[in-house]
Amino acid sequence: MGRTVIPYSQILKLEEDSLKNFRRALPAAKQEILDEIFRIAKRNLASGVMASDSEPKFSIIFSAIIELQRQIDDLEKTVKQLKKN
């Protein structure tokens, strides 16, 4: 008996492929940002699987937002430490 649900990793690939023309239209620097968003989503694969969203773009976007917020928090801590010195 075969699988009845497409694995989330394949869904990510399909979503990435669906944005191929969009990516191509972006400047090179922004293409790299879009690629990074998908790398973040792939690093958070388990979260995406657990979300079992009917719209996987949400879990991709939320993965990126969470990672960006973590980076902002780290930068804010660094700035505070530098201001103390």
C-alpha atoms as a PDB file:
ATOM      1  CA  MET A   1       0.000   0.000   0.000  1.00  0.00           C
ATOM      2  CA  GLY A   2       1.389   3.423  -0.963  1.00  0.00           C
ATOM      3  CA  ARG A   3       1.429   6.676   0.890  1.00  0.00           C
ATOM      4  CA  THR A   4      -1.720   8.734   0.760  1.00  0.00           C
ATOM      5  CA  VAL A   5      -0.089  12.000   1.866  1.00  0.00           C
ATOM      6  CA  ILE A   6       2.751  13.767   0.070  1.00  0.00           C
ATOM      7  CA  PRO A   7       5.772  14.103   2.396  1.00  0.00           C
ATOM      8  CA  TYR A   8       6.287  17.654   3.644  1.00  0.00           C
ATOM      9  CA  SER A   9       9.801  17.764   2.165  1.00  0.00           C
ATOM     10  CA  GLN A  10       8.279  17.208  -1.280  1.00  0.00           C
ATOM     11  CA  ILE A  11       5.650  19.866  -0.602  1.00  0.00           C
ATOM     12  CA  LEU A  12       8.461  22.317   0.187  1.00  0.00           C
ATOM     13  CA  LYS A  13      10.136  21.450  -3.110  1.00  0.00           C
ATOM     14  CA  LEU A  14       6.854  21.945  -4.988  1.00  0.00           C
ATOM     15  CA  GLU A  15       6.352  25.335  -3.337  1.00  0.00           C
ATOM     16  CA  GLU A  16       9.904  26.354  -4.198  1.00  0.00           C
ATOM     17  CA  ASP A  17       9.409  25.226  -7.800  1.00  0.00           C
ATOM     18  CA  SER A  18       6.133  27.152  -8.041  1.00  0.00           C
ATOM     19  CA  LEU A  19       8.058  30.362  -7.333  1.00  0.00           C
ATOM     20  CA  LYS A  20      10.717  29.761  -9.992  1.00  0.00           C
ATOM     21  CA  ASN A  21       9.492  32.542 -12.304  1.00  0.00           C
ATOM     22  CA  PHE A  22       9.028  34.913  -9.362  1.00  0.00           C
ATOM     23  CA  ARG A  23      12.586  34.160  -8.200  1.00  0.00           C
ATOM     24  CA  ARG A  24      13.981  34.687 -11.695  1.00  0.00           C
ATOM     25  CA  ALA A  25      12.405  38.161 -11.814  1.00  0.00           C
ATOM     26  CA  LEU A  26      14.113  39.218  -8.581  1.00  0.00           C
ATOM     27  CA  PRO A  27      17.515  40.911  -8.478  1.00  0.00           C
ATOM     28  CA  ALA A  28      20.331  38.512  -7.587  1.00  0.00           C
ATOM     29  CA  ALA A  29      20.616  39.741  -3.982  1.00  0.00           C
ATOM     30  CA  LYS A  30      16.909  39.167  -3.408  1.00  0.00           C
ATOM     31  CA  GLN A  31      17.078  35.739  -5.047  1.00  0.00           C
ATOM     32  CA  GLU A  32      19.556  34.784  -2.335  1.00  0.00           C
ATOM     33  CA  ILE A  33      17.120  36.001   0.334  1.00  0.00           C
ATOM     34  CA  LEU A  34      14.322  33.874  -1.127  1.00  0.00           C
ATOM     35  CA  ASP A  35      16.689  30.899  -1.238  1.00  0.00           C
ATOM     36  CA  GLU A  36      17.522  31.505   2.433  1.00  0.00           C
ATOM     37  CA  ILE A  37      13.818  31.504   3.322  1.00  0.00           C
ATOM     38  CA  PHE A  38      13.505  28.030   1.836  1.00  0.00           C
ATOM     39  CA  ARG A  39      16.689  26.885   3.605  1.00  0.00           C
ATOM     40  CA  ILE A  40      15.154  28.076   6.889  1.00  0.00           C
ATOM     41  CA  ALA A  41      11.949  26.176   6.128  1.00  0.00           C
ATOM     42  CA  LYS A  42      13.967  23.033   5.383  1.00  0.00           C
ATOM     43  CA  ARG A  43      15.849  23.392   8.681  1.00  0.00           C
ATOM     44  CA  ASN A  44      12.458  23.578  10.422  1.00  0.00           C
ATOM     45  CA  LEU A  45      11.049  20.590   8.568  1.00  0.00           C
ATOM     46  CA  ALA A  46       9.695  18.912  11.716  1.00  0.00           C
ATOM     47  CA  SER A  47       7.658  22.005  12.593  1.00  0.00           C
ATOM     48  CA  GLY A  48       6.171  22.098   9.117  1.00  0.00           C
ATOM     49  CA  VAL A  49       5.231  18.441   9.332  1.00  0.00           C
ATOM     50  CA  MET A  50       3.506  19.003  12.674  1.00  0.00           C
ATOM     51  CA  ALA A  51       1.609  22.024  11.334  1.00  0.00           C
ATOM     52  CA  SER A  52      -0.033  19.848   8.666  1.00  0.00           C
ATOM     53  CA  ASP A  53      -1.303  23.042   7.097  1.00  0.00           C
ATOM     54  CA  SER A  54      -3.607  22.991   4.124  1.00  0.00           C
ATOM     55  CA  GLU A  55      -1.537  25.951   2.902  1.00  0.00           C
ATOM     56  CA  PRO A  56       2.162  25.113   3.370  1.00  0.00           C
ATOM     57  CA  LYS A  57       3.258  28.648   2.447  1.00  0.00           C
ATOM     58  CA  PHE A  58       2.200  29.682   5.958  1.00  0.00           C
ATOM     59  CA  SER A  59       4.646  27.331   7.662  1.00  0.00           C
ATOM     60  CA  ILE A  60       7.394  28.416   5.256  1.00  0.00           C
ATOM     61  CA  ILE A  61       6.755  32.097   5.981  1.00  0.00           C
ATOM     62  CA  PHE A  62       6.390  31.563   9.733  1.00  0.00           C
ATOM     63  CA  SER A  63       9.676  29.641   9.826  1.00  0.00           C
ATOM     64  CA  ALA A  64      11.389  32.607   8.187  1.00  0.00           C
ATOM     65  CA  ILE A  65       9.688  35.140  10.470  1.00  0.00           C
ATOM     66  CA  ILE A  66      10.689  33.205  13.584  1.00  0.00           C
ATOM     67  CA  GLU A  67      14.299  32.946  12.405  1.00  0.00           C
ATOM     68  CA  LEU A  68      14.413  36.655  11.554  1.00  0.00           C
ATOM     69  CA  GLN A  69      12.976  37.559  14.956  1.00  0.00           C
ATOM     70  CA  ARG A  70      15.624  35.393  16.628  1.00  0.00           C
ATOM     71  CA  GLN A  71      18.309  37.256  14.685  1.00  0.00           C
ATOM     72  CA  ILE A  72      16.796  40.623  15.688  1.00  0.00           C
ATOM     73  CA  ASP A  73      16.744  39.551  19.341  1.00  0.00           C
ATOM     74  CA  ASP A  74      20.398  38.472  19.137  1.00  0.00           C
ATOM     75  CA  LEU A  75      21.368  41.786  17.547  1.00  0.00           C
ATOM     76  CA  GLU A  76      19.463  43.756  20.185  1.00  0.00           C
ATOM     77  CA  LYS A  77      21.313  41.870  22.950  1.00  0.00           C
ATOM     78  CA  THR A  78      24.618  42.600  21.241  1.00  0.00           C
ATOM     79  CA  VAL A  79      23.788  46.316  20.920  1.00  0.00           C
ATOM     80  CA  LYS A  80      22.819  46.488  24.613  1.00  0.00           C
ATOM     81  CA  GLN A  81      26.082  44.814  25.591  1.00  0.00           C
ATOM     82  CA  LEU A  82      28.082  47.216  23.427  1.00  0.00           C
ATOM     83  CA  LYS A  83      26.281  50.216  24.920  1.00  0.00           C
ATOM     84  CA  LYS A  84      27.235  49.020  28.420  1.00  0.00           C
ATOM     85  CA  ASN A  85      30.933  49.071  27.506  1.00  0.00           C
END
